[in-house]
């Protein structure tokens, strides 16, 4: 399930960013593309900048989720996946199904 979520998150992230060469796990936003050789199209270029600005927080959220999913996969390999990192109690299975990257139980999350 974790590997499938990692794949799905990477696919979603790749629609607004691209992997950063030489930086494992790093992503770079797809920057606006301006037509420097042709006539100025202020409306089109404004739209490009607006899309870029709107995508930045989405990219950050997806990168954070991806990093947390990878940490969860490591915890799974170490045998600690599903154990709350705060209180060491088991995390409810339903919570893990909804948020497979979580490392805290709902009780500790609420605190």
PDB file of N, CA and C in Angstrom:
ATOM      1  N   UNK A   1       0.819  -1.183   0.000  1.00  0.00           N
ATOM      2  CA  UNK A   1       0.000   0.000   0.000  1.00  0.00           C
ATOM      3  C   UNK A   1       0.873   1.260   0.000  1.00  0.00           C
ATOM      4  N   UNK A   2       1.943   1.255   0.804  1.00  0.00           N
ATOM      5  CA  UNK A   2       2.828   2.418   0.861  1.00  0.00           C
ATOM      6  C   UNK A   2       3.508   2.672  -0.477  1.00  0.00           C
ATOM      7  N   UNK A   3       3.988   1.610  -1.092  1.00  0.00           N
ATOM      8  CA  UNK A   3       4.646   1.767  -2.394  1.00  0.00           C
ATOM      9  C   UNK A   3       3.680   2.302  -3.441  1.00  0.00           C
ATOM     10  N   UNK A   4       2.434   1.852  -3.398  1.00  0.00           N
ATOM     11  CA  UNK A   4       1.418   2.329  -4.329  1.00  0.00           C
ATOM     12  C   UNK A   4       1.131   3.816  -4.092  1.00  0.00           C
ATOM     13  N   UNK A   5       1.086   4.230  -2.832  1.00  0.00           N
ATOM     14  CA  UNK A   5       0.854   5.644  -2.482  1.00  0.00           C
ATOM     15  C   UNK A   5       2.034   6.514  -2.903  1.00  0.00           C
ATOM     16  N   UNK A   6       3.249   5.984  -2.755  1.00  0.00           N
ATOM     17  CA  UNK A   6       4.439   6.713  -3.200  1.00  0.00           C
ATOM     18  C   UNK A   6       4.366   6.928  -4.707  1.00  0.00           C
ATOM     19  N   UNK A   7       4.032   5.880  -5.429  1.00  0.00           N
ATOM     20  CA  UNK A   7       3.919   5.967  -6.889  1.00  0.00           C
ATOM     21  C   UNK A   7       2.839   6.964  -7.300  1.00  0.00           C
ATOM     22  N   UNK A   8       1.684   6.907  -6.638  1.00  0.00           N
ATOM     23  CA  UNK A   8       0.581   7.804  -6.965  1.00  0.00           C
ATOM     24  C   UNK A   8       0.948   9.259  -6.664  1.00  0.00           C
ATOM     25  N   UNK A   9       1.614   9.489  -5.542  1.00  0.00           N
ATOM     26  CA  UNK A   9       2.004  10.837  -5.154  1.00  0.00           C
ATOM     27  C   UNK A   9       3.057  11.390  -6.107  1.00  0.00           C
ATOM     28  N   UNK A  10       4.026  10.555  -6.497  1.00  0.00           N
ATOM     29  CA  UNK A  10       5.034  10.987  -7.472  1.00  0.00           C
ATOM     30  C   UNK A  10       4.387  11.345  -8.810  1.00  0.00           C
ATOM     31  N   UNK A  11       3.412  10.556  -9.219  1.00  0.00           N
ATOM     32  CA  UNK A  11       2.721  10.824 -10.481  1.00  0.00           C
ATOM     33  C   UNK A  11       1.984  12.162 -10.406  1.00  0.00           C
ATOM     34  N   UNK A  12       1.302  12.400  -9.297  1.00  0.00           N
ATOM     35  CA  UNK A  12       0.591  13.663  -9.116  1.00  0.00           C
ATOM     36  C   UNK A  12       1.570  14.836  -9.070  1.00  0.00           C
ATOM     37  N   UNK A  13       2.671  14.653  -8.366  1.00  0.00           N
ATOM     38  CA  UNK A  13       3.683  15.695  -8.267  1.00  0.00           C
ATOM     39  C   UNK A  13       4.308  16.008  -9.623  1.00  0.00           C
ATOM     40  N   UNK A  14       4.473  15.001 -10.450  1.00  0.00           N
ATOM     41  CA  UNK A  14       5.112  15.211 -11.757  1.00  0.00           C
ATOM     42  C   UNK A  14       4.263  16.058 -12.706  1.00  0.00           C
ATOM     43  N   UNK A  15       3.004  16.298 -12.373  1.00  0.00           N
ATOM     44  CA  UNK A  15       2.175  17.159 -13.224  1.00  0.00           C
ATOM     45  C   UNK A  15       2.482  18.637 -13.010  1.00  0.00           C
ATOM     46  N   UNK A  16       3.128  18.976 -11.889  1.00  0.00           N
ATOM     47  CA  UNK A  16       3.429  20.380 -11.610  1.00  0.00           C
ATOM     48  C   UNK A  16       4.907  20.644 -11.335  1.00  0.00           C
ATOM     49  N   UNK A  17       5.705  19.576 -11.277  1.00  0.00           N
ATOM     50  CA  UNK A  17       7.127  19.715 -10.980  1.00  0.00           C
ATOM     51  C   UNK A  17       7.891  18.585 -11.658  1.00  0.00           C
ATOM     52  N   UNK A  18       9.216  18.677 -11.595  1.00  0.00           N
ATOM     53  CA  UNK A  18      10.058  17.608 -12.142  1.00  0.00           C
ATOM     54  C   UNK A  18      11.157  17.292 -11.134  1.00  0.00           C
ATOM     55  N   UNK A  19      11.638  16.061 -11.208  1.00  0.00           N
ATOM     56  CA  UNK A  19      12.690  15.638 -10.281  1.00  0.00           C
ATOM     57  C   UNK A  19      13.931  16.483 -10.506  1.00  0.00           C
ATOM     58  N   UNK A  20      14.583  16.838  -9.405  1.00  0.00           N
ATOM     59  CA  UNK A  20      15.794  17.638  -9.464  1.00  0.00           C
ATOM     60  C   UNK A  20      16.981  16.703  -9.646  1.00  0.00           C
ATOM     61  N   UNK A  21      17.693  16.815 -10.775  1.00  0.00           N
ATOM     62  CA  UNK A  21      18.843  15.936 -11.006  1.00  0.00           C
ATOM     63  C   UNK A  21      19.901  16.112  -9.911  1.00  0.00           C
ATOM     64  N   UNK A  22      20.442  15.008  -9.449  1.00  0.00           N
ATOM     65  CA  UNK A  22      21.499  15.030  -8.451  1.00  0.00           C
ATOM     66  C   UNK A  22      21.028  15.280  -7.031  1.00  0.00           C
ATOM     67  N   UNK A  23      19.727  15.401  -6.831  1.00  0.00           N
ATOM     68  CA  UNK A  23      19.192  15.616  -5.492  1.00  0.00           C
ATOM     69  C   UNK A  23      18.142  14.552  -5.205  1.00  0.00           C
ATOM     70  N   UNK A  24      18.535  13.456  -4.565  1.00  0.00           N
ATOM     71  CA  UNK A  24      17.592  12.375  -4.294  1.00  0.00           C
ATOM     72  C   UNK A  24      16.355  12.875  -3.546  1.00  0.00           C
ATOM     73  N   UNK A  25      15.207  12.592  -4.088  1.00  0.00           N
ATOM     74  CA  UNK A  25      13.953  12.996  -3.467  1.00  0.00           C
ATOM     75  C   UNK A  25      13.582  14.446  -3.693  1.00  0.00           C
ATOM     76  N   UNK A  26      14.431  15.177  -4.421  1.00  0.00           N
ATOM     77  CA  UNK A  26      14.166  16.595  -4.658  1.00  0.00           C
ATOM     78  C   UNK A  26      13.322  16.844  -5.896  1.00  0.00           C
ATOM     79  N   UNK A  27      12.484  17.844  -5.816  1.00  0.00           N
ATOM     80  CA  UNK A  27      11.616  18.232  -6.925  1.00  0.00           C
ATOM     81  C   UNK A  27      11.734  19.734  -7.149  1.00  0.00           C
ATOM     82  N   UNK A  28      11.574  20.163  -8.401  1.00  0.00           N
ATOM     83  CA  UNK A  28      11.619  21.566  -8.770  1.00  0.00           C
ATOM     84  C   UNK A  28      10.347  21.923  -9.510  1.00  0.00           C
ATOM     85  N   UNK A  29       9.771  23.051  -9.137  1.00  0.00           N
ATOM     86  CA  UNK A  29       8.539  23.506  -9.783  1.00  0.00           C
ATOM     87  C   UNK A  29       8.758  23.734 -11.270  1.00  0.00           C
ATOM     88  N   UNK A  30       7.721  23.443 -12.045  1.00  0.00           N
ATOM     89  CA  UNK A  30       7.744  23.785 -13.455  1.00  0.00           C
ATOM     90  C   UNK A  30       7.504  25.292 -13.556  1.00  0.00           C
ATOM     91  N   UNK A  31       8.512  26.007 -13.990  1.00  0.00           N
ATOM     92  CA  UNK A  31       8.441  27.466 -14.055  1.00  0.00           C
ATOM     93  C   UNK A  31       7.625  27.921 -15.257  1.00  0.00           C
ATOM     94  N   UNK A  32       7.087  29.132 -15.170  1.00  0.00           N
ATOM     95  CA  UNK A  32       6.335  29.674 -16.312  1.00  0.00           C
ATOM     96  C   UNK A  32       7.220  29.743 -17.555  1.00  0.00           C
ATOM     97  N   UNK A  33       6.601  29.518 -18.688  1.00  0.00           N
ATOM     98  CA  UNK A  33       7.319  29.586 -19.970  1.00  0.00           C
ATOM     99  C   UNK A  33       6.869  30.837 -20.709  1.00  0.00           C
ATOM    100  N   UNK A  34       7.785  31.782 -20.820  1.00  0.00           N
ATOM    101  CA  UNK A  34       7.471  33.026 -21.510  1.00  0.00           C
ATOM    102  C   UNK A  34       8.022  32.992 -22.926  1.00  0.00           C
ATOM    103  N   UNK A  35       7.303  33.600 -23.835  1.00  0.00           N
ATOM    104  CA  UNK A  35       7.726  33.690 -25.232  1.00  0.00           C
ATOM    105  C   UNK A  35       8.632  34.905 -25.365  1.00  0.00           C
ATOM    106  N   UNK A  36       9.943  34.687 -25.293  1.00  0.00           N
ATOM    107  CA  UNK A  36      10.891  35.799 -25.362  1.00  0.00           C
ATOM    108  C   UNK A  36      11.203  36.217 -26.790  1.00  0.00           C
ATOM    109  N   UNK A  37      10.886  35.376 -27.757  1.00  0.00           N
ATOM    110  CA  UNK A  37      11.198  35.674 -29.144  1.00  0.00           C
ATOM    111  C   UNK A  37      10.045  36.333 -29.901  1.00  0.00           C
ATOM    112  N   UNK A  38       8.856  36.235 -29.349  1.00  0.00           N
ATOM    113  CA  UNK A  38       7.689  36.758 -30.053  1.00  0.00           C
ATOM    114  C   UNK A  38       7.128  37.988 -29.385  1.00  0.00           C
ATOM    115  N   UNK A  39       5.957  38.394 -29.830  1.00  0.00           N
ATOM    116  CA  UNK A  39       5.316  39.571 -29.247  1.00  0.00           C
ATOM    117  C   UNK A  39       4.890  39.302 -27.802  1.00  0.00           C
ATOM    118  N   UNK A  40       4.827  40.353 -27.023  1.00  0.00           N
ATOM    119  CA  UNK A  40       4.429  40.270 -25.629  1.00  0.00           C
ATOM    120  C   UNK A  40       2.953  39.902 -25.528  1.00  0.00           C
ATOM    121  N   UNK A  41       2.663  38.837 -24.763  1.00  0.00           N
ATOM    122  CA  UNK A  41       1.283  38.410 -24.529  1.00  0.00           C
ATOM    123  C   UNK A  41       1.061  38.456 -23.030  1.00  0.00           C
ATOM    124  N   UNK A  42       0.780  39.653 -22.546  1.00  0.00           N
ATOM    125  CA  UNK A  42       0.688  39.889 -21.118  1.00  0.00           C
ATOM    126  C   UNK A  42      -0.362  39.007 -20.436  1.00  0.00           C
ATOM    127  N   UNK A  43      -1.490  38.793 -21.072  1.00  0.00           N
ATOM    128  CA  UNK A  43      -2.543  37.972 -20.470  1.00  0.00           C
ATOM    129  C   UNK A  43      -2.087  36.524 -20.298  1.00  0.00           C
ATOM    130  N   UNK A  44      -1.480  35.972 -21.324  1.00  0.00           N
ATOM    131  CA  UNK A  44      -0.998  34.593 -21.275  1.00  0.00           C
ATOM    132  C   UNK A  44       0.114  34.437 -20.235  1.00  0.00           C
ATOM    133  N   UNK A  45       1.025  35.398 -20.200  1.00  0.00           N
ATOM    134  CA  UNK A  45       2.127  35.320 -19.258  1.00  0.00           C
ATOM    135  C   UNK A  45       1.641  35.504 -17.817  1.00  0.00           C
ATOM    136  N   UNK A  46       0.640  36.329 -17.627  1.00  0.00           N
ATOM    137  CA  UNK A  46       0.040  36.502 -16.300  1.00  0.00           C
ATOM    138  C   UNK A  46      -0.609  35.198 -15.859  1.00  0.00           C
ATOM    139  N   UNK A  47      -1.288  34.529 -16.774  1.00  0.00           N
ATOM    140  CA  UNK A  47      -1.901  33.232 -16.460  1.00  0.00           C
ATOM    141  C   UNK A  47      -0.839  32.218 -16.056  1.00  0.00           C
ATOM    142  N   UNK A  48       0.287  32.189 -16.766  1.00  0.00           N
ATOM    143  CA  UNK A  48       1.382  31.260 -16.443  1.00  0.00           C
ATOM    144  C   UNK A  48       1.906  31.503 -15.029  1.00  0.00           C
ATOM    145  N   UNK A  49       2.104  32.769 -14.679  1.00  0.00           N
ATOM    146  CA  UNK A  49       2.605  33.112 -13.346  1.00  0.00           C
ATOM    147  C   UNK A  49       1.578  32.730 -12.288  1.00  0.00           C
ATOM    148  N   UNK A  50       0.297  32.957 -12.547  1.00  0.00           N
ATOM    149  CA  UNK A  50      -0.753  32.613 -11.586  1.00  0.00           C
ATOM    150  C   UNK A  50      -0.802  31.103 -11.346  1.00  0.00           C
ATOM    151  N   UNK A  51      -0.691  30.328 -12.403  1.00  0.00           N
ATOM    152  CA  UNK A  51      -0.671  28.867 -12.266  1.00  0.00           C
ATOM    153  C   UNK A  51       0.532  28.441 -11.435  1.00  0.00           C
ATOM    154  N   UNK A  52       1.682  29.020 -11.726  1.00  0.00           N
ATOM    155  CA  UNK A  52       2.909  28.708 -10.988  1.00  0.00           C
ATOM    156  C   UNK A  52       2.737  29.006  -9.496  1.00  0.00           C
ATOM    157  N   UNK A  53       2.222  30.183  -9.180  1.00  0.00           N
ATOM    158  CA  UNK A  53       2.032  30.588  -7.783  1.00  0.00           C
ATOM    159  C   UNK A  53       1.039  29.672  -7.082  1.00  0.00           C
ATOM    160  N   UNK A  54      -0.018  29.299  -7.764  1.00  0.00           N
ATOM    161  CA  UNK A  54      -1.019  28.403  -7.176  1.00  0.00           C
ATOM    162  C   UNK A  54      -0.474  26.997  -6.953  1.00  0.00           C
ATOM    163  N   UNK A  55       0.456  26.567  -7.797  1.00  0.00           N
ATOM    164  CA  UNK A  55       1.008  25.215  -7.689  1.00  0.00           C
ATOM    165  C   UNK A  55       2.071  25.070  -6.603  1.00  0.00           C
ATOM    166  N   UNK A  56       2.697  26.162  -6.186  1.00  0.00           N
ATOM    167  CA  UNK A  56       3.775  26.072  -5.194  1.00  0.00           C
ATOM    168  C   UNK A  56       3.337  25.415  -3.888  1.00  0.00           C
ATOM    169  N   UNK A  57       2.222  25.829  -3.270  1.00  0.00           N
ATOM    170  CA  UNK A  57       1.837  25.149  -2.021  1.00  0.00           C
ATOM    171  C   UNK A  57       1.408  23.698  -2.242  1.00  0.00           C
ATOM    172  N   UNK A  58       0.855  23.406  -3.409  1.00  0.00           N
ATOM    173  CA  UNK A  58       0.471  22.026  -3.727  1.00  0.00           C
ATOM    174  C   UNK A  58       1.732  21.169  -3.834  1.00  0.00           C
ATOM    175  N   UNK A  59       2.738  21.707  -4.516  1.00  0.00           N
ATOM    176  CA  UNK A  59       4.006  20.980  -4.650  1.00  0.00           C
ATOM    177  C   UNK A  59       4.616  20.719  -3.278  1.00  0.00           C
ATOM    178  N   UNK A  60       4.616  21.730  -2.417  1.00  0.00           N
ATOM    179  CA  UNK A  60       5.195  21.570  -1.084  1.00  0.00           C
ATOM    180  C   UNK A  60       4.458  20.490  -0.295  1.00  0.00           C
ATOM    181  N   UNK A  61       3.131  20.497  -0.363  1.00  0.00           N
ATOM    182  CA  UNK A  61       2.331  19.499   0.359  1.00  0.00           C
ATOM    183  C   UNK A  61       2.628  18.101  -0.161  1.00  0.00           C
ATOM    184  N   UNK A  62       2.716  17.953  -1.489  1.00  0.00           N
ATOM    185  CA  UNK A  62       2.982  16.639  -2.076  1.00  0.00           C
ATOM    186  C   UNK A  62       4.394  16.162  -1.757  1.00  0.00           C
ATOM    187  N   UNK A  63       5.367  17.070  -1.767  1.00  0.00           N
ATOM    188  CA  UNK A  63       6.739  16.686  -1.415  1.00  0.00           C
ATOM    189  C   UNK A  63       6.819  16.226   0.039  1.00  0.00           C
ATOM    190  N   UNK A  64       6.122  16.929   0.916  1.00  0.00           N
ATOM    191  CA  UNK A  64       6.102  16.545   2.329  1.00  0.00           C
ATOM    192  C   UNK A  64       5.456  15.176   2.490  1.00  0.00           C
ATOM    193  N   UNK A  65       4.341  14.970   1.799  1.00  0.00           N
ATOM    194  CA  UNK A  65       3.659  13.674   1.881  1.00  0.00           C
ATOM    195  C   UNK A  65       4.561  12.556   1.365  1.00  0.00           C
ATOM    196  N   UNK A  66       5.230  12.811   0.257  1.00  0.00           N
ATOM    197  CA  UNK A  66       6.121  11.820  -0.329  1.00  0.00           C
ATOM    198  C   UNK A  66       7.252  11.463   0.643  1.00  0.00           C
ATOM    199  N   UNK A  67       7.838  12.455   1.278  1.00  0.00           N
ATOM    200  CA  UNK A  67       8.908  12.200   2.254  1.00  0.00           C
ATOM    201  C   UNK A  67       8.370  11.384   3.429  1.00  0.00           C
ATOM    202  N   UNK A  68       7.175  11.723   3.893  1.00  0.00           N
ATOM    203  CA  UNK A  68       6.576  10.981   5.008  1.00  0.00           C
ATOM    204  C   UNK A  68       6.218   9.553   4.613  1.00  0.00           C
ATOM    205  N   UNK A  69       5.766   9.355   3.393  1.00  0.00           N
ATOM    206  CA  UNK A  69       5.480   8.000   2.915  1.00  0.00           C
ATOM    207  C   UNK A  69       6.757   7.168   2.875  1.00  0.00           C
ATOM    208  N   UNK A  70       7.846   7.773   2.437  1.00  0.00           N
ATOM    209  CA  UNK A  70       9.129   7.057   2.387  1.00  0.00           C
ATOM    210  C   UNK A  70       9.619   6.708   3.798  1.00  0.00           C
ATOM    211  N   UNK A  71       9.413   7.636   4.739  1.00  0.00           N
ATOM    212  CA  UNK A  71       9.773   7.350   6.139  1.00  0.00           C
ATOM    213  C   UNK A  71       8.925   6.195   6.672  1.00  0.00           C
ATOM    214  N   UNK A  72       7.660   6.183   6.301  1.00  0.00           N
ATOM    215  CA  UNK A  72       6.764   5.102   6.731  1.00  0.00           C
ATOM    216  C   UNK A  72       7.220   3.766   6.168  1.00  0.00           C
ATOM    217  N   UNK A  73       7.670   3.776   4.926  1.00  0.00           N
ATOM    218  CA  UNK A  73       8.171   2.553   4.298  1.00  0.00           C
ATOM    219  C   UNK A  73       9.407   2.051   5.047  1.00  0.00           C
ATOM    220  N   UNK A  74      10.260   2.958   5.482  1.00  0.00           N
ATOM    221  CA  UNK A  74      11.433   2.585   6.276  1.00  0.00           C
ATOM    222  C   UNK A  74      11.010   2.012   7.631  1.00  0.00           C
ATOM    223  N   UNK A  75      10.002   2.635   8.250  1.00  0.00           N
ATOM    224  CA  UNK A  75       9.504   2.105   9.522  1.00  0.00           C
ATOM    225  C   UNK A  75       8.928   0.708   9.335  1.00  0.00           C
ATOM    226  N   UNK A  76       8.272   0.477   8.208  1.00  0.00           N
ATOM    227  CA  UNK A  76       7.721  -0.843   7.910  1.00  0.00           C
ATOM    228  C   UNK A  76       8.855  -1.871   7.841  1.00  0.00           C
ATOM    229  N   UNK A  77       9.929  -1.512   7.162  1.00  0.00           N
ATOM    230  CA  UNK A  77      11.074  -2.408   7.036  1.00  0.00           C
ATOM    231  C   UNK A  77      11.732  -2.672   8.391  1.00  0.00           C
ATOM    232  N   UNK A  78      11.669  -1.677   9.288  1.00  0.00           N
ATOM    233  CA  UNK A  78      12.276  -1.812  10.617  1.00  0.00           C
ATOM    234  C   UNK A  78      11.327  -2.463  11.622  1.00  0.00           C
ATOM    235  N   UNK A  79      10.079  -2.663  11.194  1.00  0.00           N
ATOM    236  CA  UNK A  79       9.106  -3.289  12.079  1.00  0.00           C
ATOM    237  C   UNK A  79       8.429  -2.332  13.046  1.00  0.00           C
ATOM    238  N   UNK A  80       8.536  -1.025  12.805  1.00  0.00           N
ATOM    239  CA  UNK A  80       7.921  -0.050  13.706  1.00  0.00           C
ATOM    240  C   UNK A  80       6.749   0.685  13.067  1.00  0.00           C
ATOM    241  N   UNK A  81       6.386   0.304  11.858  1.00  0.00           N
ATOM    242  CA  UNK A  81       5.244   0.958  11.199  1.00  0.00           C
ATOM    243  C   UNK A  81       3.966   0.620  11.956  1.00  0.00           C
ATOM    244  N   UNK A  82       3.109   1.633  12.136  1.00  0.00           N
ATOM    245  CA  UNK A  82       1.853   1.419  12.837  1.00  0.00           C
ATOM    246  C   UNK A  82       1.959   1.603  14.328  1.00  0.00           C
ATOM    247  N   UNK A  83       3.149   1.974  14.804  1.00  0.00           N
ATOM    248  CA  UNK A  83       3.359   2.253  16.223  1.00  0.00           C
ATOM    249  C   UNK A  83       3.549   3.762  16.365  1.00  0.00           C
ATOM    250  N   UNK A  84       2.793   4.372  17.253  1.00  0.00           N
ATOM    251  CA  UNK A  84       2.848   5.816  17.471  1.00  0.00           C
ATOM    252  C   UNK A  84       4.237   6.217  17.962  1.00  0.00           C
ATOM    253  N   UNK A  85       4.827   7.201  17.327  1.00  0.00           N
ATOM    254  CA  UNK A  85       6.159   7.672  17.726  1.00  0.00           C
ATOM    255  C   UNK A  85       6.119   8.502  19.005  1.00  0.00           C
ATOM    256  N   UNK A  86       4.913   8.868  19.457  1.00  0.00           N
ATOM    257  CA  UNK A  86       4.785   9.671  20.678  1.00  0.00           C
ATOM    258  C   UNK A  86       4.533   8.812  21.910  1.00  0.00           C
ATOM    259  N   UNK A  87       3.592   7.877  21.806  1.00  0.00           N
ATOM    260  CA  UNK A  87       3.192   7.099  22.991  1.00  0.00           C
ATOM    261  C   UNK A  87       3.507   5.604  22.872  1.00  0.00           C
ATOM    262  N   UNK A  88       4.018   5.181  21.711  1.00  0.00           N
ATOM    263  CA  UNK A  88       4.388   3.785  21.445  1.00  0.00           C
ATOM    264  C   UNK A  88       3.212   2.813  21.441  1.00  0.00           C
ATOM    265  N   UNK A  89       1.990   3.322  21.307  1.00  0.00           N
ATOM    266  CA  UNK A  89       0.823   2.452  21.191  1.00  0.00           C
ATOM    267  C   UNK A  89       0.533   2.216  19.715  1.00  0.00           C
ATOM    268  N   UNK A  90      -0.237   1.160  19.423  1.00  0.00           N
ATOM    269  CA  UNK A  90      -0.602   0.864  18.037  1.00  0.00           C
ATOM    270  C   UNK A  90      -1.519   1.948  17.491  1.00  0.00           C
ATOM    271  N   UNK A  91      -1.262   2.311  16.236  1.00  0.00           N
ATOM    272  CA  UNK A  91      -2.117   3.264  15.529  1.00  0.00           C
ATOM    273  C   UNK A  91      -3.279   2.483  14.940  1.00  0.00           C
ATOM    274  N   UNK A  92      -4.481   3.003  15.080  1.00  0.00           N
ATOM    275  CA  UNK A  92      -5.675   2.368  14.558  1.00  0.00           C
ATOM    276  C   UNK A  92      -5.513   2.072  13.062  1.00  0.00           C
ATOM    277  N   UNK A  93      -5.873   0.870  12.656  1.00  0.00           N
ATOM    278  CA  UNK A  93      -5.729   0.436  11.267  1.00  0.00           C
ATOM    279  C   UNK A  93      -6.494   1.354  10.312  1.00  0.00           C
ATOM    280  N   UNK A  94      -7.667   1.776  10.720  1.00  0.00           N
ATOM    281  CA  UNK A  94      -8.474   2.673   9.870  1.00  0.00           C
ATOM    282  C   UNK A  94      -7.741   3.990   9.628  1.00  0.00           C
ATOM    283  N   UNK A  95      -7.076   4.499  10.661  1.00  0.00           N
ATOM    284  CA  UNK A  95      -6.290   5.733  10.505  1.00  0.00           C
ATOM    285  C   UNK A  95      -5.150   5.514   9.518  1.00  0.00           C
ATOM    286  N   UNK A  96      -4.501   4.366   9.590  1.00  0.00           N
ATOM    287  CA  UNK A  96      -3.407   4.055   8.666  1.00  0.00           C
ATOM    288  C   UNK A  96      -3.910   3.886   7.230  1.00  0.00           C
ATOM    289  N   UNK A  97      -5.129   3.376   7.084  1.00  0.00           N
ATOM    290  CA  UNK A  97      -5.708   3.242   5.734  1.00  0.00           C
ATOM    291  C   UNK A  97      -5.961   4.619   5.128  1.00  0.00           C
ATOM    292  N   UNK A  98      -6.403   5.556   5.957  1.00  0.00           N
ATOM    293  CA  UNK A  98      -6.706   6.902   5.476  1.00  0.00           C
ATOM    294  C   UNK A  98      -5.440   7.732   5.308  1.00  0.00           C
ATOM    295  N   UNK A  99      -4.525   7.622   6.260  1.00  0.00           N
ATOM    296  CA  UNK A  99      -3.262   8.375   6.252  1.00  0.00           C
ATOM    297  C   UNK A  99      -2.098   7.412   6.419  1.00  0.00           C
ATOM    298  N   UNK A 100      -1.741   6.690   5.372  1.00  0.00           N
ATOM    299  CA  UNK A 100      -0.683   5.679   5.531  1.00  0.00           C
ATOM    300  C   UNK A 100       0.661   6.256   5.953  1.00  0.00           C
ATOM    301  N   UNK A 101       0.855   7.554   5.783  1.00  0.00           N
ATOM    302  CA  UNK A 101       2.128   8.169   6.153  1.00  0.00           C
ATOM    303  C   UNK A 101       2.170   8.641   7.606  1.00  0.00           C
ATOM    304  N   UNK A 102       1.065   8.501   8.333  1.00  0.00           N
ATOM    305  CA  UNK A 102       1.038   8.998   9.708  1.00  0.00           C
ATOM    306  C   UNK A 102       1.964   8.200  10.618  1.00  0.00           C
ATOM    307  N   UNK A 103       2.522   8.905  11.598  1.00  0.00           N
ATOM    308  CA  UNK A 103       3.381   8.215  12.573  1.00  0.00           C
ATOM    309  C   UNK A 103       2.896   8.447  13.996  1.00  0.00           C
ATOM    310  N   UNK A 104       1.682   9.035  14.123  1.00  0.00           N
ATOM    311  CA  UNK A 104       1.101   9.244  15.438  1.00  0.00           C
ATOM    312  C   UNK A 104      -0.342   8.754  15.460  1.00  0.00           C
ATOM    313  N   UNK A 105      -0.758   8.296  16.628  1.00  0.00           N
ATOM    314  CA  UNK A 105      -2.147   7.853  16.805  1.00  0.00           C
ATOM    315  C   UNK A 105      -3.054   9.082  16.866  1.00  0.00           C
ATOM    316  N   UNK A 106      -4.353   8.868  16.750  1.00  0.00           N
ATOM    317  CA  UNK A 106      -5.280   9.994  16.764  1.00  0.00           C
ATOM    318  C   UNK A 106      -5.258  10.720  18.104  1.00  0.00           C
ATOM    319  N   UNK A 107      -5.043   9.995  19.194  1.00  0.00           N
ATOM    320  CA  UNK A 107      -4.965  10.632  20.513  1.00  0.00           C
ATOM    321  C   UNK A 107      -3.809  11.606  20.611  1.00  0.00           C
ATOM    322  N   UNK A 108      -2.639  11.187  20.163  1.00  0.00           N
ATOM    323  CA  UNK A 108      -1.464  12.064  20.209  1.00  0.00           C
ATOM    324  C   UNK A 108      -1.592  13.205  19.192  1.00  0.00           C
ATOM    325  N   UNK A 109      -2.222  12.931  18.075  1.00  0.00           N
ATOM    326  CA  UNK A 109      -2.436  13.973  17.071  1.00  0.00           C
ATOM    327  C   UNK A 109      -3.329  15.071  17.623  1.00  0.00           C
ATOM    328  N   UNK A 110      -4.333  14.695  18.400  1.00  0.00           N
ATOM    329  CA  UNK A 110      -5.262  15.650  18.986  1.00  0.00           C
ATOM    330  C   UNK A 110      -4.559  16.519  20.035  1.00  0.00           C
ATOM    331  N   UNK A 111      -3.613  15.922  20.768  1.00  0.00           N
ATOM    332  CA  UNK A 111      -2.879  16.678  21.791  1.00  0.00           C
ATOM    333  C   UNK A 111      -2.057  17.736  21.125  1.00  0.00           C
TER     334      UNK A 111
END
